[in-house]
Amino acid sequence: MIKKILVPTDFSEQAENALRVAADIARKHGSEINLLHMLELPMLLVDGATGGSKSDLPEAIFFMKLAHQKFEKMMNAPFLEGIEVHETAEFDGAFEGIMDYTEKYQADLIVMGSQGATGLQELLIGSNTEKVVRNSKVPVLVIKRRHEAFTVKKFVYATNFKEENHNAFKQAFKFAKNNDVKLHMLYVNTPNNFRTTHEIEARMKAFMDKEPECTDYKLNIYNDESVEKGILHFADSVGSKLVGIGTHGRSGLAHFLNGSLSEGLVNHAQRPVITFKI
């Protein structure tokens, strides 16, 4: 079950879109939400501090009060009614702070907002979000646009069905089961890394034979010119509002599947994307 949801926020429209989705998930699971805002002071101010902590600086106190004012306004939003919401503002680098707090808070899911077309480098709090997606030990759900009601009936999870992907698959299967959605497992076959149907089906069977507890899913093979396009086109064909992939901490999304899927999937997919650590 999803008990704790972490929502990093910069109080932007994109952050609110993520919070709305987090609220829908929290209401379904009886989860609590923790809003996290990282305050990064200019190094000039930090270096100029003598004694005490940087939170004692007048500038730090001002920004902390401002953050709490914004938190108060956000937490009074009608869509959060009836949900347990906590606020946290801390002084740290954005990526480091989110990673540290995910462990401290024991979050089960991170929900983050994205501007979409401008790519991961412009996600919510800049390039730090790409690092979160790449390194998070818990699933990260990336939200592009506003959802009046976040309901998912079909979930496309793309994988290459290699041995190293069992951990990510287990997380994806658990997510699908907990949210009562149909899981469509997908292998994208491309010209540059072509495999026969027989080869792919044999790989799928060998992979799933090691997951005997996973029973409610559908296996799919889709041919396209690239893995990224295949995932998006297949999701459109089955009417899936959510796609999922596994990520490698050591080399990021570029190492996914055939080595050809870059951050482009998260950049270009208008539907939500959820990532799981391999």
C-alpha atoms as a PDB file:
ATOM      1  CA  MET A   1       0.000   0.000   0.000  1.00  0.00           C
ATOM      2  CA  ILE A   2       0.992   3.600  -0.535  1.00  0.00           C
ATOM      3  CA  LYS A   3       1.108   5.085   2.951  1.00  0.00           C
ATOM      4  CA  LYS A   4       3.335   8.120   2.477  1.00  0.00           C
ATOM      5  CA  ILE A   5       3.601  10.346  -0.596  1.00  0.00           C
ATOM      6  CA  LEU A   6       6.350  12.944  -0.967  1.00  0.00           C
ATOM      7  CA  VAL A   7       5.583  15.955  -3.165  1.00  0.00           C
ATOM      8  CA  PRO A   8       8.551  18.313  -3.705  1.00  0.00           C
ATOM      9  CA  THR A   9       7.190  21.778  -4.477  1.00  0.00           C
ATOM     10  CA  ASP A  10       8.354  25.160  -5.671  1.00  0.00           C
ATOM     11  CA  PHE A  11       4.769  26.465  -5.455  1.00  0.00           C
ATOM     12  CA  SER A  12       4.494  26.591  -9.254  1.00  0.00           C
ATOM     13  CA  GLU A  13       1.546  25.545 -11.422  1.00  0.00           C
ATOM     14  CA  GLN A  14       3.394  22.324 -12.278  1.00  0.00           C
ATOM     15  CA  ALA A  15       3.885  21.555  -8.586  1.00  0.00           C
ATOM     16  CA  GLU A  16       0.168  22.072  -7.973  1.00  0.00           C
ATOM     17  CA  ASN A  17      -0.639  19.665 -10.835  1.00  0.00           C
ATOM     18  CA  ALA A  18       1.499  17.049  -9.083  1.00  0.00           C
ATOM     19  CA  LEU A  19      -0.146  17.762  -5.735  1.00  0.00           C
ATOM     20  CA  ARG A  20      -3.628  17.306  -7.214  1.00  0.00           C
ATOM     21  CA  VAL A  21      -2.648  13.855  -8.490  1.00  0.00           C
ATOM     22  CA  ALA A  22      -1.007  13.013  -5.160  1.00  0.00           C
ATOM     23  CA  ALA A  23      -4.252  14.001  -3.434  1.00  0.00           C
ATOM     24  CA  ASP A  24      -6.286  11.621  -5.613  1.00  0.00           C
ATOM     25  CA  ILE A  25      -3.873   8.784  -4.859  1.00  0.00           C
ATOM     26  CA  ALA A  26      -3.824   9.629  -1.144  1.00  0.00           C
ATOM     27  CA  ARG A  27      -7.609   9.677  -0.936  1.00  0.00           C
ATOM     28  CA  LYS A  28      -7.814   6.241  -2.578  1.00  0.00           C
ATOM     29  CA  HIS A  29      -5.187   4.658  -0.324  1.00  0.00           C
ATOM     30  CA  GLY A  30      -5.714   6.619   2.889  1.00  0.00           C
ATOM     31  CA  SER A  31      -2.176   7.997   2.476  1.00  0.00           C
ATOM     32  CA  GLU A  32      -0.603  11.067   4.010  1.00  0.00           C
ATOM     33  CA  ILE A  33       1.199  13.699   1.941  1.00  0.00           C
ATOM     34  CA  ASN A  34       4.358  15.559   2.827  1.00  0.00           C
ATOM     35  CA  LEU A  35       5.016  18.752   0.903  1.00  0.00           C
ATOM     36  CA  LEU A  36       8.732  19.451   0.719  1.00  0.00           C
ATOM     37  CA  HIS A  37      10.266  22.786  -0.251  1.00  0.00           C
ATOM     38  CA  MET A  38      14.029  23.087  -0.413  1.00  0.00           C
ATOM     39  CA  LEU A  39      15.509  26.511   0.357  1.00  0.00           C
ATOM     40  CA  GLU A  40      18.842  27.016  -1.367  1.00  0.00           C
ATOM     41  CA  LEU A  41      20.585  30.149  -0.102  1.00  0.00           C
ATOM     42  CA  PRO A  42      23.295  31.785  -2.252  1.00  0.00           C
ATOM     43  CA  MET A  43      26.716  30.536  -1.179  1.00  0.00           C
ATOM     44  CA  LEU A  44      27.786  34.140  -0.582  1.00  0.00           C
ATOM     45  CA  LEU A  45      25.279  34.374   2.251  1.00  0.00           C
ATOM     46  CA  VAL A  46      26.165  30.960   3.650  1.00  0.00           C
ATOM     47  CA  ASP A  47      29.906  31.665   3.538  1.00  0.00           C
ATOM     48  CA  GLY A  48      29.320  34.994   5.213  1.00  0.00           C
ATOM     49  CA  ALA A  49      27.670  33.425   8.214  1.00  0.00           C
ATOM     50  CA  THR A  50      29.871  33.326  11.280  1.00  0.00           C
ATOM     51  CA  GLY A  51      28.806  30.922  13.956  1.00  0.00           C
ATOM     52  CA  GLY A  52      25.410  29.281  14.251  1.00  0.00           C
ATOM     53  CA  SER A  53      23.620  27.668  11.328  1.00  0.00           C
ATOM     54  CA  LYS A  54      22.592  29.210   8.054  1.00  0.00           C
ATOM     55  CA  SER A  55      18.981  29.031   9.222  1.00  0.00           C
ATOM     56  CA  ASP A  56      19.848  31.783  11.698  1.00  0.00           C
ATOM     57  CA  LEU A  57      20.611  34.276   8.931  1.00  0.00           C
ATOM     58  CA  PRO A  58      18.067  37.101   8.532  1.00  0.00           C
ATOM     59  CA  GLU A  59      17.688  36.178   4.867  1.00  0.00           C
ATOM     60  CA  ALA A  60      17.041  32.555   5.779  1.00  0.00           C
ATOM     61  CA  ILE A  61      14.406  33.518   8.327  1.00  0.00           C
ATOM     62  CA  PHE A  62      12.682  35.705   5.723  1.00  0.00           C
ATOM     63  CA  PHE A  63      12.583  32.945   3.093  1.00  0.00           C
ATOM     64  CA  MET A  64      11.419  30.397   5.659  1.00  0.00           C
ATOM     65  CA  LYS A  65       8.495  32.626   6.692  1.00  0.00           C
ATOM     66  CA  LEU A  66       7.636  33.212   3.046  1.00  0.00           C
ATOM     67  CA  ALA A  67       7.644  29.457   2.386  1.00  0.00           C
ATOM     68  CA  HIS A  68       5.300  28.808   5.308  1.00  0.00           C
ATOM     69  CA  GLN A  69       2.917  31.492   4.030  1.00  0.00           C
ATOM     70  CA  LYS A  70       2.816  29.761   0.650  1.00  0.00           C
ATOM     71  CA  PHE A  71       2.370  26.387   2.354  1.00  0.00           C
ATOM     72  CA  GLU A  72      -0.610  27.731   4.306  1.00  0.00           C
ATOM     73  CA  LYS A  73      -2.302  28.937   1.134  1.00  0.00           C
ATOM     74  CA  MET A  74      -1.602  25.671  -0.680  1.00  0.00           C
ATOM     75  CA  MET A  75      -2.791  23.459   2.168  1.00  0.00           C
ATOM     76  CA  ASN A  76      -6.142  25.271   2.272  1.00  0.00           C
ATOM     77  CA  ALA A  77      -6.911  24.092  -1.277  1.00  0.00           C
ATOM     78  CA  PRO A  78     -10.308  22.335  -1.448  1.00  0.00           C
ATOM     79  CA  PHE A  79      -8.828  19.280  -3.221  1.00  0.00           C
ATOM     80  CA  LEU A  80      -6.788  18.505  -0.084  1.00  0.00           C
ATOM     81  CA  GLU A  81      -9.807  18.422   2.210  1.00  0.00           C
ATOM     82  CA  GLY A  82      -9.835  15.331   4.406  1.00  0.00           C
ATOM     83  CA  ILE A  83      -6.219  14.374   3.623  1.00  0.00           C
ATOM     84  CA  GLU A  84      -3.443  14.467   6.202  1.00  0.00           C
ATOM     85  CA  VAL A  85      -0.850  16.890   4.811  1.00  0.00           C
ATOM     86  CA  HIS A  86       2.444  17.919   6.389  1.00  0.00           C
ATOM     87  CA  GLU A  87       4.739  20.735   5.324  1.00  0.00           C
ATOM     88  CA  THR A  88       8.518  20.779   5.454  1.00  0.00           C
ATOM     89  CA  ALA A  89      10.942  23.512   4.402  1.00  0.00           C
ATOM     90  CA  GLU A  90      14.628  22.770   4.722  1.00  0.00           C
ATOM     91  CA  PHE A  91      17.937  24.342   3.735  1.00  0.00           C
ATOM     92  CA  ASP A  92      19.757  21.998   1.398  1.00  0.00           C
ATOM     93  CA  GLY A  93      20.465  21.378  -2.261  1.00  0.00           C
ATOM     94  CA  ALA A  94      17.284  20.349  -4.038  1.00  0.00           C
ATOM     95  CA  PHE A  95      18.387  16.893  -5.192  1.00  0.00           C
ATOM     96  CA  GLU A  96      20.283  16.060  -1.998  1.00  0.00           C
ATOM     97  CA  GLY A  97      17.411  17.303   0.142  1.00  0.00           C
ATOM     98  CA  ILE A  98      14.792  15.287  -1.699  1.00  0.00           C
ATOM     99  CA  MET A  99      16.863  12.111  -1.534  1.00  0.00           C
ATOM    100  CA  ASP A 100      17.614  12.578   2.164  1.00  0.00           C
ATOM    101  CA  TYR A 101      14.030  13.368   3.033  1.00  0.00           C
ATOM    102  CA  THR A 102      12.643  10.465   1.004  1.00  0.00           C
ATOM    103  CA  GLU A 103      14.596   8.126   3.278  1.00  0.00           C
ATOM    104  CA  LYS A 104      13.897  10.095   6.451  1.00  0.00           C
ATOM    105  CA  TYR A 105      10.169  10.292   5.723  1.00  0.00           C
ATOM    106  CA  GLN A 106      10.108   6.673   4.460  1.00  0.00           C
ATOM    107  CA  ALA A 107       8.104   7.729   1.425  1.00  0.00           C
ATOM    108  CA  ASP A 108       6.479   5.050  -0.713  1.00  0.00           C
ATOM    109  CA  LEU A 109       6.049   7.315  -3.741  1.00  0.00           C
ATOM    110  CA  ILE A 110       7.397  10.637  -5.034  1.00  0.00           C
ATOM    111  CA  VAL A 111       5.084  12.745  -7.209  1.00  0.00           C
ATOM    112  CA  MET A 112       6.736  15.562  -9.166  1.00  0.00           C
ATOM    113  CA  GLY A 113       5.481  18.119 -11.685  1.00  0.00           C
ATOM    114  CA  SER A 114       6.912  18.782 -15.138  1.00  0.00           C
ATOM    115  CA  GLN A 115       6.657  21.617 -17.619  1.00  0.00           C
ATOM    116  CA  GLY A 116       6.634  19.030 -20.380  1.00  0.00           C
ATOM    117  CA  ALA A 117       7.987  20.207 -23.709  1.00  0.00           C
ATOM    118  CA  THR A 118      11.095  21.830 -22.273  1.00  0.00           C
ATOM    119  CA  GLY A 119      12.272  18.497 -20.939  1.00  0.00           C
ATOM    120  CA  LEU A 120      13.699  17.092 -17.748  1.00  0.00           C
ATOM    121  CA  GLN A 121      16.131  19.970 -17.331  1.00  0.00           C
ATOM    122  CA  GLU A 122      13.158  22.259 -16.670  1.00  0.00           C
ATOM    123  CA  LEU A 123      11.209  19.879 -14.444  1.00  0.00           C
ATOM    124  CA  LEU A 124       9.938  21.654 -11.352  1.00  0.00           C
ATOM    125  CA  ILE A 125      13.284  22.423  -9.743  1.00  0.00           C
ATOM    126  CA  GLY A 126      15.592  22.194 -12.702  1.00  0.00           C
ATOM    127  CA  SER A 127      18.054  19.455 -13.553  1.00  0.00           C
ATOM    128  CA  ASN A 128      17.822  18.083 -10.014  1.00  0.00           C
ATOM    129  CA  THR A 129      14.611  16.301 -10.993  1.00  0.00           C
ATOM    130  CA  GLU A 130      16.398  14.220 -13.613  1.00  0.00           C
ATOM    131  CA  LYS A 131      18.704  13.110 -10.799  1.00  0.00           C
ATOM    132  CA  VAL A 132      15.707  12.193  -8.648  1.00  0.00           C
ATOM    133  CA  VAL A 133      14.180  10.122 -11.452  1.00  0.00           C
ATOM    134  CA  ARG A 134      17.495   8.400 -12.049  1.00  0.00           C
ATOM    135  CA  ASN A 135      18.498   7.691  -8.450  1.00  0.00           C
ATOM    136  CA  SER A 136      15.332   7.355  -6.384  1.00  0.00           C
ATOM    137  CA  LYS A 137      14.893   3.995  -4.679  1.00  0.00           C
ATOM    138  CA  VAL A 138      11.127   4.526  -4.590  1.00  0.00           C
ATOM    139  CA  PRO A 139       8.846   5.021  -7.609  1.00  0.00           C
ATOM    140  CA  VAL A 140       8.707   8.539  -9.080  1.00  0.00           C
ATOM    141  CA  LEU A 141       5.518   9.675 -10.804  1.00  0.00           C
ATOM    142  CA  VAL A 142       6.062  12.580 -13.222  1.00  0.00           C
ATOM    143  CA  ILE A 143       2.995  14.719 -13.969  1.00  0.00           C
ATOM    144  CA  LYS A 144       2.829  17.000 -17.015  1.00  0.00           C
ATOM    145  CA  ARG A 145      -0.574  18.628 -16.917  1.00  0.00           C
ATOM    146  CA  ARG A 146      -3.547  19.243 -14.695  1.00  0.00           C
ATOM    147  CA  HIS A 147      -5.810  16.267 -13.992  1.00  0.00           C
ATOM    148  CA  GLU A 148      -9.227  17.021 -12.567  1.00  0.00           C
ATOM    149  CA  ALA A 149      -9.437  13.397 -11.496  1.00  0.00           C
ATOM    150  CA  PHE A 150      -6.478  11.015 -11.725  1.00  0.00           C
ATOM    151  CA  THR A 151      -7.992   7.674 -12.673  1.00  0.00           C
ATOM    152  CA  VAL A 152      -5.992   4.942 -14.398  1.00  0.00           C
ATOM    153  CA  LYS A 153      -7.533   1.754 -15.779  1.00  0.00           C
ATOM    154  CA  LYS A 154      -4.634   0.568 -17.935  1.00  0.00           C
ATOM    155  CA  PHE A 155      -0.922   0.757 -17.178  1.00  0.00           C
ATOM    156  CA  VAL A 156       1.744   0.097 -19.826  1.00  0.00           C
ATOM    157  CA  TYR A 157       5.044  -1.066 -18.358  1.00  0.00           C
ATOM    158  CA  ALA A 158       7.862  -1.312 -20.901  1.00  0.00           C
ATOM    159  CA  THR A 159      10.794  -3.639 -20.258  1.00  0.00           C
ATOM    160  CA  ASN A 160      13.343  -5.670 -22.165  1.00  0.00           C
ATOM    161  CA  PHE A 161      12.617  -8.766 -20.003  1.00  0.00           C
ATOM    162  CA  LYS A 162      16.263  -9.173 -19.043  1.00  0.00           C
ATOM    163  CA  GLU A 163      17.319 -10.689 -15.719  1.00  0.00           C
ATOM    164  CA  GLU A 164      18.363  -7.350 -14.200  1.00  0.00           C
ATOM    165  CA  ASN A 165      14.835  -5.975 -14.533  1.00  0.00           C
ATOM    166  CA  HIS A 166      13.072  -8.228 -12.028  1.00  0.00           C
ATOM    167  CA  ASN A 167      13.260  -5.730  -9.171  1.00  0.00           C
ATOM    168  CA  ALA A 168      11.752  -2.904 -11.219  1.00  0.00           C
ATOM    169  CA  PHE A 169       9.048  -5.228 -12.547  1.00  0.00           C
ATOM    170  CA  LYS A 170       8.068  -6.332  -9.039  1.00  0.00           C
ATOM    171  CA  GLN A 171       7.546  -2.683  -8.111  1.00  0.00           C
ATOM    172  CA  ALA A 172       5.514  -2.033 -11.260  1.00  0.00           C
ATOM    173  CA  PHE A 173       3.357  -5.114 -10.655  1.00  0.00           C
ATOM    174  CA  LYS A 174       2.773  -4.075  -7.047  1.00  0.00           C
ATOM    175  CA  PHE A 175       1.781  -0.591  -8.170  1.00  0.00           C
ATOM    176  CA  ALA A 176      -0.694  -2.003 -10.684  1.00  0.00           C
ATOM    177  CA  LYS A 177      -2.181  -4.421  -8.148  1.00  0.00           C
ATOM    178  CA  ASN A 178      -2.511  -1.812  -5.399  1.00  0.00           C
ATOM    179  CA  ASN A 179      -4.252   0.553  -7.784  1.00  0.00           C
ATOM    180  CA  ASP A 180      -6.443  -2.132  -9.361  1.00  0.00           C
ATOM    181  CA  VAL A 181      -5.325  -1.393 -12.927  1.00  0.00           C
ATOM    182  CA  LYS A 182      -4.725  -3.723 -15.856  1.00  0.00           C
ATOM    183  CA  LEU A 183      -0.996  -4.237 -16.442  1.00  0.00           C
ATOM    184  CA  HIS A 184       0.166  -4.337 -20.060  1.00  0.00           C
ATOM    185  CA  MET A 185       3.785  -5.480 -20.232  1.00  0.00           C
ATOM    186  CA  LEU A 186       5.479  -4.294 -23.383  1.00  0.00           C
ATOM    187  CA  TYR A 187       8.506  -5.234 -25.454  1.00  0.00           C
ATOM    188  CA  VAL A 188       9.261  -2.782 -28.261  1.00  0.00           C
ATOM    189  CA  ASN A 189      10.973  -4.394 -31.253  1.00  0.00           C
ATOM    190  CA  THR A 190      13.036  -1.989 -33.365  1.00  0.00           C
ATOM    191  CA  PRO A 191      14.954  -2.299 -36.686  1.00  0.00           C
ATOM    192  CA  ASN A 192      18.254  -1.522 -34.972  1.00  0.00           C
ATOM    193  CA  ASN A 193      17.783  -4.280 -32.407  1.00  0.00           C
ATOM    194  CA  PHE A 194      15.464  -6.647 -34.207  1.00  0.00           C
ATOM    195  CA  ARG A 195      14.379  -9.910 -32.593  1.00  0.00           C
ATOM    196  CA  THR A 196      12.030 -12.509 -34.011  1.00  0.00           C
ATOM    197  CA  THR A 197       8.678 -13.034 -32.318  1.00  0.00           C
ATOM    198  CA  HIS A 198       9.882 -16.495 -31.286  1.00  0.00           C
ATOM    199  CA  GLU A 199      12.962 -15.023 -29.571  1.00  0.00           C
ATOM    200  CA  ILE A 200      10.985 -12.362 -27.756  1.00  0.00           C
ATOM    201  CA  GLU A 201       8.281 -14.750 -26.581  1.00  0.00           C
ATOM    202  CA  ALA A 202      10.934 -17.147 -25.269  1.00  0.00           C
ATOM    203  CA  ARG A 203      12.586 -14.303 -23.340  1.00  0.00           C
ATOM    204  CA  MET A 204       9.213 -13.214 -21.953  1.00  0.00           C
ATOM    205  CA  LYS A 205       8.377 -16.753 -20.817  1.00  0.00           C
ATOM    206  CA  ALA A 206      11.758 -17.221 -19.110  1.00  0.00           C
ATOM    207  CA  PHE A 207      11.307 -13.897 -17.316  1.00  0.00           C
ATOM    208  CA  MET A 208       7.736 -14.528 -16.164  1.00  0.00           C
ATOM    209  CA  ASP A 209       8.490 -18.107 -15.077  1.00  0.00           C
ATOM    210  CA  LYS A 210      10.548 -16.506 -12.297  1.00  0.00           C
ATOM    211  CA  GLU A 211       7.544 -14.415 -11.223  1.00  0.00           C
ATOM    212  CA  PRO A 212       4.968 -17.112 -10.391  1.00  0.00           C
ATOM    213  CA  GLU A 213       3.080 -14.842  -7.962  1.00  0.00           C
ATOM    214  CA  CYS A 214       2.337 -12.376 -10.779  1.00  0.00           C
ATOM    215  CA  THR A 215      -0.722 -13.610 -12.644  1.00  0.00           C
ATOM    216  CA  ASP A 216      -2.865 -10.711 -13.849  1.00  0.00           C
ATOM    217  CA  TYR A 217      -1.057  -9.129 -16.787  1.00  0.00           C
ATOM    218  CA  LYS A 218      -0.920  -9.120 -20.578  1.00  0.00           C
ATOM    219  CA  LEU A 219       2.254  -9.554 -22.631  1.00  0.00           C
ATOM    220  CA  ASN A 220       2.633  -7.393 -25.730  1.00  0.00           C
ATOM    221  CA  ILE A 221       5.147  -7.065 -28.576  1.00  0.00           C
ATOM    222  CA  TYR A 222       5.066  -3.855 -30.591  1.00  0.00           C
ATOM    223  CA  ASN A 223       7.170  -2.975 -33.647  1.00  0.00           C
ATOM    224  CA  ASP A 224       8.298   0.605 -34.168  1.00  0.00           C
ATOM    225  CA  GLU A 225      11.266   2.624 -35.387  1.00  0.00           C
ATOM    226  CA  SER A 226      12.380   3.479 -31.831  1.00  0.00           C
ATOM    227  CA  VAL A 227      11.657   2.277 -28.327  1.00  0.00           C
ATOM    228  CA  GLU A 228      10.363   5.663 -27.243  1.00  0.00           C
ATOM    229  CA  LYS A 229       7.916   5.938 -30.145  1.00  0.00           C
ATOM    230  CA  GLY A 230       6.842   2.345 -29.651  1.00  0.00           C
ATOM    231  CA  ILE A 231       5.942   2.930 -26.016  1.00  0.00           C
ATOM    232  CA  LEU A 232       3.933   6.067 -26.797  1.00  0.00           C
ATOM    233  CA  HIS A 233       2.209   4.582 -29.867  1.00  0.00           C
ATOM    234  CA  PHE A 234       1.294   1.381 -28.039  1.00  0.00           C
ATOM    235  CA  ALA A 235      -0.051   3.333 -25.049  1.00  0.00           C
ATOM    236  CA  ASP A 236      -2.243   5.286 -27.459  1.00  0.00           C
ATOM    237  CA  SER A 237      -3.458   2.095 -29.124  1.00  0.00           C
ATOM    238  CA  VAL A 238      -4.686   0.522 -25.871  1.00  0.00           C
ATOM    239  CA  GLY A 239      -5.882   3.786 -24.309  1.00  0.00           C
ATOM    240  CA  SER A 240      -3.423   3.768 -21.425  1.00  0.00           C
ATOM    241  CA  LYS A 241      -3.133   6.990 -19.419  1.00  0.00           C
ATOM    242  CA  LEU A 242       0.055   5.874 -17.663  1.00  0.00           C
ATOM    243  CA  VAL A 243       3.369   4.415 -18.838  1.00  0.00           C
ATOM    244  CA  GLY A 244       6.158   3.028 -16.686  1.00  0.00           C
ATOM    245  CA  ILE A 245       9.842   2.219 -17.189  1.00  0.00           C
ATOM    246  CA  GLY A 246      12.796   1.038 -15.148  1.00  0.00           C
ATOM    247  CA  THR A 247      15.808   3.283 -14.569  1.00  0.00           C
ATOM    248  CA  HIS A 248      19.468   2.651 -13.801  1.00  0.00           C
ATOM    249  CA  GLY A 249      21.146   4.852 -11.229  1.00  0.00           C
ATOM    250  CA  ARG A 250      24.558   4.404 -12.784  1.00  0.00           C
ATOM    251  CA  SER A 251      23.657   5.694 -16.212  1.00  0.00           C
ATOM    252  CA  GLY A 252      20.142   7.042 -16.060  1.00  0.00           C
ATOM    253  CA  LEU A 253      17.330   6.507 -18.488  1.00  0.00           C
ATOM    254  CA  ALA A 254      19.724   6.226 -21.432  1.00  0.00           C
ATOM    255  CA  HIS A 255      20.635   2.706 -20.259  1.00  0.00           C
ATOM    256  CA  PHE A 256      17.043   1.523 -20.347  1.00  0.00           C
ATOM    257  CA  LEU A 257      15.942  -1.288 -22.647  1.00  0.00           C
ATOM    258  CA  ASN A 258      18.085  -1.445 -25.784  1.00  0.00           C
ATOM    259  CA  GLY A 259      20.226   1.478 -24.709  1.00  0.00           C
ATOM    260  CA  SER A 260      18.267   3.721 -27.059  1.00  0.00           C
ATOM    261  CA  LEU A 261      15.631   5.178 -24.725  1.00  0.00           C
ATOM    262  CA  SER A 262      16.834   8.475 -23.345  1.00  0.00           C
ATOM    263  CA  GLU A 263      15.134  11.048 -21.190  1.00  0.00           C
ATOM    264  CA  GLY A 264      13.018  11.649 -24.308  1.00  0.00           C
ATOM    265  CA  LEU A 265      10.191   9.442 -23.044  1.00  0.00           C
ATOM    266  CA  VAL A 266       9.681  11.544 -19.946  1.00  0.00           C
ATOM    267  CA  ASN A 267      10.182  14.701 -22.014  1.00  0.00           C
ATOM    268  CA  HIS A 268       7.759  13.888 -24.805  1.00  0.00           C
ATOM    269  CA  ALA A 269       5.023  11.797 -23.205  1.00  0.00           C
ATOM    270  CA  GLN A 270       2.024  13.984 -22.422  1.00  0.00           C
ATOM    271  CA  ARG A 271       0.578  11.287 -20.185  1.00  0.00           C
ATOM    272  CA  PRO A 272       2.053  10.645 -16.709  1.00  0.00           C
ATOM    273  CA  VAL A 273       5.220   8.521 -16.532  1.00  0.00           C
ATOM    274  CA  ILE A 274       6.240   6.479 -13.504  1.00  0.00           C
ATOM    275  CA  THR A 275       9.773   5.185 -13.041  1.00  0.00           C
ATOM    276  CA  PHE A 276      11.050   2.276 -10.945  1.00  0.00           C
ATOM    277  CA  LYS A 277      14.616   1.625  -9.827  1.00  0.00           C
ATOM    278  CA  ILE A 278      16.231  -1.378 -11.516  1.00  0.00           C
END
